[in-house]
Amino acid sequence: MTARAKDPAAPTDAKAKAAVKRAAAGSVTEAIGKLIGDDAVRERGTAEKKAGAADASGRKTSPRS
Protein backbone atom coordinates (compact mmCIF):
# COMPACT_ATOMS: atom_id res chain seq x y z
CA MET A 1 0.00 0.00 0.00
CA THR A 2 1.40 3.38 -0.92
CA ALA A 3 0.97 6.57 1.03
CA ARG A 4 -1.19 9.21 -0.56
CA ALA A 5 0.60 12.44 -1.41
CA LYS A 6 -0.71 15.52 0.35
CA ASP A 7 -2.50 18.01 -1.86
CA PRO A 8 -0.84 21.42 -1.36
CA ALA A 9 -4.10 23.17 -2.31
CA ALA A 10 -6.12 21.28 0.31
CA PRO A 11 -7.43 23.37 3.21
CA THR A 12 -5.59 22.93 6.48
CA ASP A 13 -7.70 24.69 9.11
CA ALA A 14 -11.03 23.43 10.43
CA LYS A 15 -13.12 26.32 9.09
CA ALA A 16 -11.77 25.91 5.57
CA LYS A 17 -12.38 22.16 5.66
CA ALA A 18 -15.95 22.73 6.84
CA ALA A 19 -16.53 25.25 4.04
CA VAL A 20 -15.27 22.82 1.39
CA LYS A 21 -17.41 20.06 2.87
CA ARG A 22 -20.45 22.38 2.84
CA ALA A 23 -19.87 23.28 -0.81
CA ALA A 24 -19.52 19.60 -1.76
CA ALA A 25 -22.68 18.63 0.13
CA GLY A 26 -24.54 21.45 -1.59
CA SER A 27 -23.33 20.24 -4.95
CA VAL A 28 -24.57 16.72 -4.21
CA THR A 29 -27.94 18.05 -3.04
CA GLU A 30 -28.21 20.14 -6.20
CA ALA A 31 -27.48 17.10 -8.37
CA ILE A 32 -30.05 14.99 -6.51
CA GLY A 33 -32.63 17.73 -7.03
CA LYS A 34 -31.90 17.71 -10.75
CA LEU A 35 -32.16 13.91 -10.92
CA ILE A 36 -35.48 13.68 -9.13
CA GLY A 37 -36.86 16.79 -10.80
CA ASP A 38 -37.45 18.68 -7.56
CA ASP A 39 -36.77 22.39 -8.06
CA ALA A 40 -36.89 23.18 -4.33
CA VAL A 41 -34.18 20.61 -3.53
CA ARG A 42 -32.09 21.80 -6.48
CA GLU A 43 -32.35 25.44 -5.37
CA ARG A 44 -31.50 24.55 -1.77
CA GLY A 45 -28.44 22.65 -2.99
CA THR A 46 -27.37 25.56 -5.20
CA ALA A 47 -27.69 27.97 -2.28
CA GLU A 48 -25.70 25.68 0.01
CA LYS A 49 -23.01 25.20 -2.63
CA LYS A 50 -22.66 28.98 -3.10
CA ALA A 51 -22.56 29.55 0.66
CA GLY A 52 -19.83 26.93 1.09
CA ALA A 53 -17.82 28.43 -1.77
CA ALA A 54 -18.16 31.90 -0.27
CA ASP A 55 -17.01 30.59 3.13
CA ALA A 56 -14.07 28.84 1.52
CA SER A 57 -12.96 31.95 -0.32
CA GLY A 58 -13.37 34.13 2.76
CA ARG A 59 -15.74 36.55 1.00
CA LYS A 60 -18.35 38.30 3.05
CA THR A 61 -21.71 38.24 1.27
CA SER A 62 -25.23 38.93 2.38
CA PRO A 63 -27.56 35.94 2.70
CA ARG A 64 -29.83 37.51 0.08
CA SER A 65 -27.33 37.43 -2.78
PDB file of N, CA and C in Angstrom:
ATOM      1  N   MET A   1       0.849  -1.167   0.000  1.00  0.00           N
ATOM      2  CA  MET A   1       0.000   0.000   0.000  1.00  0.00           C
ATOM      3  C   MET A   1       0.897   1.234   0.000  1.00  0.00           C
ATOM      4  N   THR A   2       0.588   2.169  -0.855  1.00  0.00           N
ATOM      5  CA  THR A   2       1.396   3.377  -0.918  1.00  0.00           C
ATOM      6  C   THR A   2       0.706   4.510  -0.191  1.00  0.00           C
ATOM      7  N   ALA A   3       1.512   5.399   0.332  1.00  0.00           N
ATOM      8  CA  ALA A   3       0.968   6.565   1.026  1.00  0.00           C
ATOM      9  C   ALA A   3       0.460   7.564  -0.003  1.00  0.00           C
ATOM     10  N   ARG A   4      -0.597   8.213   0.327  1.00  0.00           N
ATOM     11  CA  ARG A   4      -1.188   9.206  -0.562  1.00  0.00           C
ATOM     12  C   ARG A   4      -0.461  10.539  -0.371  1.00  0.00           C
ATOM     13  N   ALA A   5      -0.085  11.150  -1.476  1.00  0.00           N
ATOM     14  CA  ALA A   5       0.600  12.439  -1.409  1.00  0.00           C
ATOM     15  C   ALA A   5      -0.369  13.512  -0.947  1.00  0.00           C
ATOM     16  N   LYS A   6       0.133  14.431  -0.131  1.00  0.00           N
ATOM     17  CA  LYS A   6      -0.713  15.515   0.352  1.00  0.00           C
ATOM     18  C   LYS A   6      -0.926  16.535  -0.753  1.00  0.00           C
ATOM     19  N   ASP A   7      -2.154  16.992  -0.867  1.00  0.00           N
ATOM     20  CA  ASP A   7      -2.500  18.005  -1.856  1.00  0.00           C
ATOM     21  C   ASP A   7      -2.138  19.371  -1.274  1.00  0.00           C
ATOM     22  N   PRO A   8      -1.236  20.120  -1.909  1.00  0.00           N
ATOM     23  CA  PRO A   8      -0.840  21.415  -1.356  1.00  0.00           C
ATOM     24  C   PRO A   8      -1.975  22.435  -1.391  1.00  0.00           C
ATOM     25  N   ALA A   9      -2.984  22.229  -2.229  1.00  0.00           N
ATOM     26  CA  ALA A   9      -4.101  23.165  -2.313  1.00  0.00           C
ATOM     27  C   ALA A   9      -5.216  22.822  -1.327  1.00  0.00           C
ATOM     28  N   ALA A  10      -5.092  21.701  -0.633  1.00  0.00           N
ATOM     29  CA  ALA A  10      -6.122  21.280   0.307  1.00  0.00           C
ATOM     30  C   ALA A  10      -6.134  22.205   1.519  1.00  0.00           C
ATOM     31  N   PRO A  11      -7.335  22.495   2.046  1.00  0.00           N
ATOM     32  CA  PRO A  11      -7.427  23.366   3.214  1.00  0.00           C
ATOM     33  C   PRO A  11      -6.827  22.692   4.438  1.00  0.00           C
ATOM     34  N   THR A  12      -6.243  23.492   5.303  1.00  0.00           N
ATOM     35  CA  THR A  12      -5.591  22.930   6.476  1.00  0.00           C
ATOM     36  C   THR A  12      -6.307  23.251   7.777  1.00  0.00           C
ATOM     37  N   ASP A  13      -7.028  24.372   7.852  1.00  0.00           N
ATOM     38  CA  ASP A  13      -7.705  24.689   9.108  1.00  0.00           C
ATOM     39  C   ASP A  13      -9.136  24.152   9.098  1.00  0.00           C
ATOM     40  N   ALA A  14      -9.716  24.056  10.271  1.00  0.00           N
ATOM     41  CA  ALA A  14     -11.030  23.431  10.427  1.00  0.00           C
ATOM     42  C   ALA A  14     -12.129  24.202   9.704  1.00  0.00           C
ATOM     43  N   LYS A  15     -12.079  25.529   9.752  1.00  0.00           N
ATOM     44  CA  LYS A  15     -13.122  26.320   9.095  1.00  0.00           C
ATOM     45  C   LYS A  15     -13.079  26.136   7.583  1.00  0.00           C
ATOM     46  N   ALA A  16     -11.903  26.090   7.014  1.00  0.00           N
ATOM     47  CA  ALA A  16     -11.771  25.909   5.569  1.00  0.00           C
ATOM     48  C   ALA A  16     -12.246  24.520   5.157  1.00  0.00           C
ATOM     49  N   LYS A  17     -11.919  23.515   5.959  1.00  0.00           N
ATOM     50  CA  LYS A  17     -12.378  22.158   5.662  1.00  0.00           C
ATOM     51  C   LYS A  17     -13.899  22.077   5.724  1.00  0.00           C
ATOM     52  N   ALA A  18     -14.499  22.731   6.715  1.00  0.00           N
ATOM     53  CA  ALA A  18     -15.953  22.728   6.836  1.00  0.00           C
ATOM     54  C   ALA A  18     -16.600  23.439   5.651  1.00  0.00           C
ATOM     55  N   ALA A  19     -15.987  24.508   5.181  1.00  0.00           N
ATOM     56  CA  ALA A  19     -16.527  25.246   4.037  1.00  0.00           C
ATOM     57  C   ALA A  19     -16.479  24.397   2.769  1.00  0.00           C
ATOM     58  N   VAL A  20     -15.387  23.694   2.568  1.00  0.00           N
ATOM     59  CA  VAL A  20     -15.266  22.822   1.394  1.00  0.00           C
ATOM     60  C   VAL A  20     -16.274  21.682   1.482  1.00  0.00           C
ATOM     61  N   LYS A  21     -16.435  21.136   2.668  1.00  0.00           N
ATOM     62  CA  LYS A  21     -17.410  20.060   2.870  1.00  0.00           C
ATOM     63  C   LYS A  21     -18.828  20.569   2.609  1.00  0.00           C
ATOM     64  N   ARG A  22     -19.126  21.782   3.057  1.00  0.00           N
ATOM     65  CA  ARG A  22     -20.449  22.381   2.844  1.00  0.00           C
ATOM     66  C   ARG A  22     -20.718  22.589   1.357  1.00  0.00           C
ATOM     67  N   ALA A  23     -19.718  23.068   0.630  1.00  0.00           N
ATOM     68  CA  ALA A  23     -19.874  23.278  -0.814  1.00  0.00           C
ATOM     69  C   ALA A  23     -20.093  21.944  -1.534  1.00  0.00           C
ATOM     70  N   ALA A  24     -19.365  20.918  -1.125  1.00  0.00           N
ATOM     71  CA  ALA A  24     -19.515  19.603  -1.755  1.00  0.00           C
ATOM     72  C   ALA A  24     -20.891  19.010  -1.460  1.00  0.00           C
ATOM     73  N   ALA A  25     -21.354  19.144  -0.227  1.00  0.00           N
ATOM     74  CA  ALA A  25     -22.676  18.632   0.131  1.00  0.00           C
ATOM     75  C   ALA A  25     -23.765  19.376  -0.642  1.00  0.00           C
ATOM     76  N   GLY A  26     -23.582  20.673  -0.807  1.00  0.00           N
ATOM     77  CA  GLY A  26     -24.541  21.446  -1.591  1.00  0.00           C
ATOM     78  C   GLY A  26     -24.569  21.007  -3.034  1.00  0.00           C
ATOM     79  N   SER A  27     -23.412  20.702  -3.574  1.00  0.00           N
ATOM     80  CA  SER A  27     -23.328  20.237  -4.953  1.00  0.00           C
ATOM     81  C   SER A  27     -24.049  18.901  -5.128  1.00  0.00           C
ATOM     82  N   VAL A  28     -23.896  18.014  -4.168  1.00  0.00           N
ATOM     83  CA  VAL A  28     -24.570  16.716  -4.213  1.00  0.00           C
ATOM     84  C   VAL A  28     -26.083  16.904  -4.106  1.00  0.00           C
ATOM     85  N   THR A  29     -26.517  17.777  -3.204  1.00  0.00           N
ATOM     86  CA  THR A  29     -27.942  18.052  -3.041  1.00  0.00           C
ATOM     87  C   THR A  29     -28.528  18.640  -4.320  1.00  0.00           C
ATOM     88  N   GLU A  30     -27.778  19.541  -4.939  1.00  0.00           N
ATOM     89  CA  GLU A  30     -28.214  20.139  -6.200  1.00  0.00           C
ATOM     90  C   GLU A  30     -28.380  19.061  -7.281  1.00  0.00           C
ATOM     91  N   ALA A  31     -27.427  18.167  -7.373  1.00  0.00           N
ATOM     92  CA  ALA A  31     -27.484  17.095  -8.370  1.00  0.00           C
ATOM     93  C   ALA A  31     -28.666  16.162  -8.110  1.00  0.00           C
ATOM     94  N   ILE A  32     -28.915  15.848  -6.854  1.00  0.00           N
ATOM     95  CA  ILE A  32     -30.055  14.992  -6.514  1.00  0.00           C
ATOM     96  C   ILE A  32     -31.359  15.679  -6.908  1.00  0.00           C
ATOM     97  N   GLY A  33     -31.447  16.974  -6.638  1.00  0.00           N
ATOM     98  CA  GLY A  33     -32.635  17.725  -7.030  1.00  0.00           C
ATOM     99  C   GLY A  33     -32.867  17.689  -8.529  1.00  0.00           C
ATOM    100  N   LYS A  34     -31.781  17.786  -9.294  1.00  0.00           N
ATOM    101  CA  LYS A  34     -31.901  17.706 -10.749  1.00  0.00           C
ATOM    102  C   LYS A  34     -32.355  16.319 -11.175  1.00  0.00           C
ATOM    103  N   LEU A  35     -31.813  15.287 -10.556  1.00  0.00           N
ATOM    104  CA  LEU A  35     -32.162  13.913 -10.925  1.00  0.00           C
ATOM    105  C   LEU A  35     -33.612  13.578 -10.638  1.00  0.00           C
ATOM    106  N   ILE A  36     -34.102  14.020  -9.485  1.00  0.00           N
ATOM    107  CA  ILE A  36     -35.475  13.684  -9.126  1.00  0.00           C
ATOM    108  C   ILE A  36     -36.470  14.712  -9.651  1.00  0.00           C
ATOM    109  N   GLY A  37     -35.974  15.791 -10.225  1.00  0.00           N
ATOM    110  CA  GLY A  37     -36.857  16.795 -10.798  1.00  0.00           C
ATOM    111  C   GLY A  37     -37.522  17.692  -9.778  1.00  0.00           C
ATOM    112  N   ASP A  38     -36.899  17.850  -8.622  1.00  0.00           N
ATOM    113  CA  ASP A  38     -37.453  18.678  -7.556  1.00  0.00           C
ATOM    114  C   ASP A  38     -36.721  20.014  -7.532  1.00  0.00           C
ATOM    115  N   ASP A  39     -37.408  21.068  -7.976  1.00  0.00           N
ATOM    116  CA  ASP A  39     -36.769  22.386  -8.059  1.00  0.00           C
ATOM    117  C   ASP A  39     -36.396  22.941  -6.692  1.00  0.00           C
ATOM    118  N   ALA A  40     -37.187  22.666  -5.665  1.00  0.00           N
ATOM    119  CA  ALA A  40     -36.887  23.176  -4.328  1.00  0.00           C
ATOM    120  C   ALA A  40     -35.583  22.575  -3.796  1.00  0.00           C
ATOM    121  N   VAL A  41     -35.408  21.280  -3.986  1.00  0.00           N
ATOM    122  CA  VAL A  41     -34.184  20.615  -3.534  1.00  0.00           C
ATOM    123  C   VAL A  41     -32.985  21.131  -4.329  1.00  0.00           C
ATOM    124  N   ARG A  42     -33.167  21.291  -5.641  1.00  0.00           N
ATOM    125  CA  ARG A  42     -32.086  21.802  -6.484  1.00  0.00           C
ATOM    126  C   ARG A  42     -31.676  23.203  -6.053  1.00  0.00           C
ATOM    127  N   GLU A  43     -32.654  24.073  -5.794  1.00  0.00           N
ATOM    128  CA  GLU A  43     -32.347  25.442  -5.372  1.00  0.00           C
ATOM    129  C   GLU A  43     -31.673  25.479  -4.005  1.00  0.00           C
ATOM    130  N   ARG A  44     -32.119  24.613  -3.092  1.00  0.00           N
ATOM    131  CA  ARG A  44     -31.496  24.551  -1.766  1.00  0.00           C
ATOM    132  C   ARG A  44     -30.045  24.089  -1.886  1.00  0.00           C
ATOM    133  N   GLY A  45     -29.802  23.117  -2.762  1.00  0.00           N
ATOM    134  CA  GLY A  45     -28.436  22.648  -2.994  1.00  0.00           C
ATOM    135  C   GLY A  45     -27.568  23.717  -3.614  1.00  0.00           C
ATOM    136  N   THR A  46     -28.121  24.470  -4.568  1.00  0.00           N
ATOM    137  CA  THR A  46     -27.371  25.559  -5.196  1.00  0.00           C
ATOM    138  C   THR A  46     -27.001  26.616  -4.169  1.00  0.00           C
ATOM    139  N   ALA A  47     -27.953  26.973  -3.310  1.00  0.00           N
ATOM    140  CA  ALA A  47     -27.690  27.972  -2.277  1.00  0.00           C
ATOM    141  C   ALA A  47     -26.612  27.491  -1.304  1.00  0.00           C
ATOM    142  N   GLU A  48     -26.695  26.233  -0.915  1.00  0.00           N
ATOM    143  CA  GLU A  48     -25.704  25.675   0.014  1.00  0.00           C
ATOM    144  C   GLU A  48     -24.318  25.624  -0.630  1.00  0.00           C
ATOM    145  N   LYS A  49     -24.279  25.260  -1.904  1.00  0.00           N
ATOM    146  CA  LYS A  49     -23.011  25.204  -2.630  1.00  0.00           C
ATOM    147  C   LYS A  49     -22.374  26.594  -2.701  1.00  0.00           C
ATOM    148  N   LYS A  50     -23.176  27.601  -3.018  1.00  0.00           N
ATOM    149  CA  LYS A  50     -22.662  28.977  -3.097  1.00  0.00           C
ATOM    150  C   LYS A  50     -22.201  29.469  -1.730  1.00  0.00           C
ATOM    151  N   ALA A  51     -22.946  29.129  -0.684  1.00  0.00           N
ATOM    152  CA  ALA A  51     -22.563  29.545   0.665  1.00  0.00           C
ATOM    153  C   ALA A  51     -21.247  28.889   1.079  1.00  0.00           C
ATOM    154  N   GLY A  52     -21.084  27.616   0.774  1.00  0.00           N
ATOM    155  CA  GLY A  52     -19.828  26.932   1.091  1.00  0.00           C
ATOM    156  C   GLY A  52     -18.668  27.509   0.313  1.00  0.00           C
ATOM    157  N   ALA A  53     -18.891  27.836  -0.954  1.00  0.00           N
ATOM    158  CA  ALA A  53     -17.825  28.426  -1.769  1.00  0.00           C
ATOM    159  C   ALA A  53     -17.447  29.803  -1.251  1.00  0.00           C
ATOM    160  N   ALA A  54     -18.440  30.576  -0.816  1.00  0.00           N
ATOM    161  CA  ALA A  54     -18.161  31.903  -0.271  1.00  0.00           C
ATOM    162  C   ALA A  54     -17.379  31.784   1.036  1.00  0.00           C
ATOM    163  N   ASP A  55     -17.752  30.819   1.883  1.00  0.00           N
ATOM    164  CA  ASP A  55     -17.013  30.591   3.133  1.00  0.00           C
ATOM    165  C   ASP A  55     -15.578  30.174   2.849  1.00  0.00           C
ATOM    166  N   ALA A  56     -15.406  29.331   1.847  1.00  0.00           N
ATOM    167  CA  ALA A  56     -14.070  28.838   1.521  1.00  0.00           C
ATOM    168  C   ALA A  56     -13.177  29.941   0.981  1.00  0.00           C
ATOM    169  N   SER A  57     -13.765  30.875   0.245  1.00  0.00           N
ATOM    170  CA  SER A  57     -12.962  31.952  -0.319  1.00  0.00           C
ATOM    171  C   SER A  57     -12.745  33.077   0.666  1.00  0.00           C
ATOM    172  N   GLY A  58     -13.519  33.094   1.749  1.00  0.00           N
ATOM    173  CA  GLY A  58     -13.370  34.132   2.756  1.00  0.00           C
ATOM    174  C   GLY A  58     -14.150  35.391   2.433  1.00  0.00           C
ATOM    175  N   ARG A  59     -14.939  35.380   1.353  1.00  0.00           N
ATOM    176  CA  ARG A  59     -15.735  36.554   0.997  1.00  0.00           C
ATOM    177  C   ARG A  59     -16.868  36.738   1.992  1.00  0.00           C
ATOM    178  N   LYS A  60     -17.200  37.971   2.208  1.00  0.00           N
ATOM    179  CA  LYS A  60     -18.352  38.295   3.050  1.00  0.00           C
ATOM    180  C   LYS A  60     -19.485  38.714   2.122  1.00  0.00           C
ATOM    181  N   THR A  61     -20.559  37.918   2.107  1.00  0.00           N
ATOM    182  CA  THR A  61     -21.706  38.239   1.268  1.00  0.00           C
ATOM    183  C   THR A  61     -22.965  38.225   2.122  1.00  0.00           C
ATOM    184  N   SER A  62     -23.965  38.927   1.672  1.00  0.00           N
ATOM    185  CA  SER A  62     -25.229  38.927   2.382  1.00  0.00           C
ATOM    186  C   SER A  62     -25.962  37.630   2.069  1.00  0.00           C
ATOM    187  N   PRO A  63     -26.831  37.176   2.947  1.00  0.00           N
ATOM    188  CA  PRO A  63     -27.556  35.937   2.701  1.00  0.00           C
ATOM    189  C   PRO A  63     -28.573  36.073   1.573  1.00  0.00           C
ATOM    190  N   ARG A  64     -28.847  37.292   1.130  1.00  0.00           N
ATOM    191  CA  ARG A  64     -29.833  37.506   0.078  1.00  0.00           C
ATOM    192  C   ARG A  64     -29.238  37.458  -1.308  1.00  0.00           C
ATOM    193  N   SER A  65     -27.931  37.402  -1.442  1.00  0.00           N
ATOM    194  CA  SER A  65     -27.328  37.434  -2.775  1.00  0.00           C
ATOM    195  C   SER A  65     -27.243  36.082  -3.412  1.00  0.00           C
TER     196      SER A  65
END
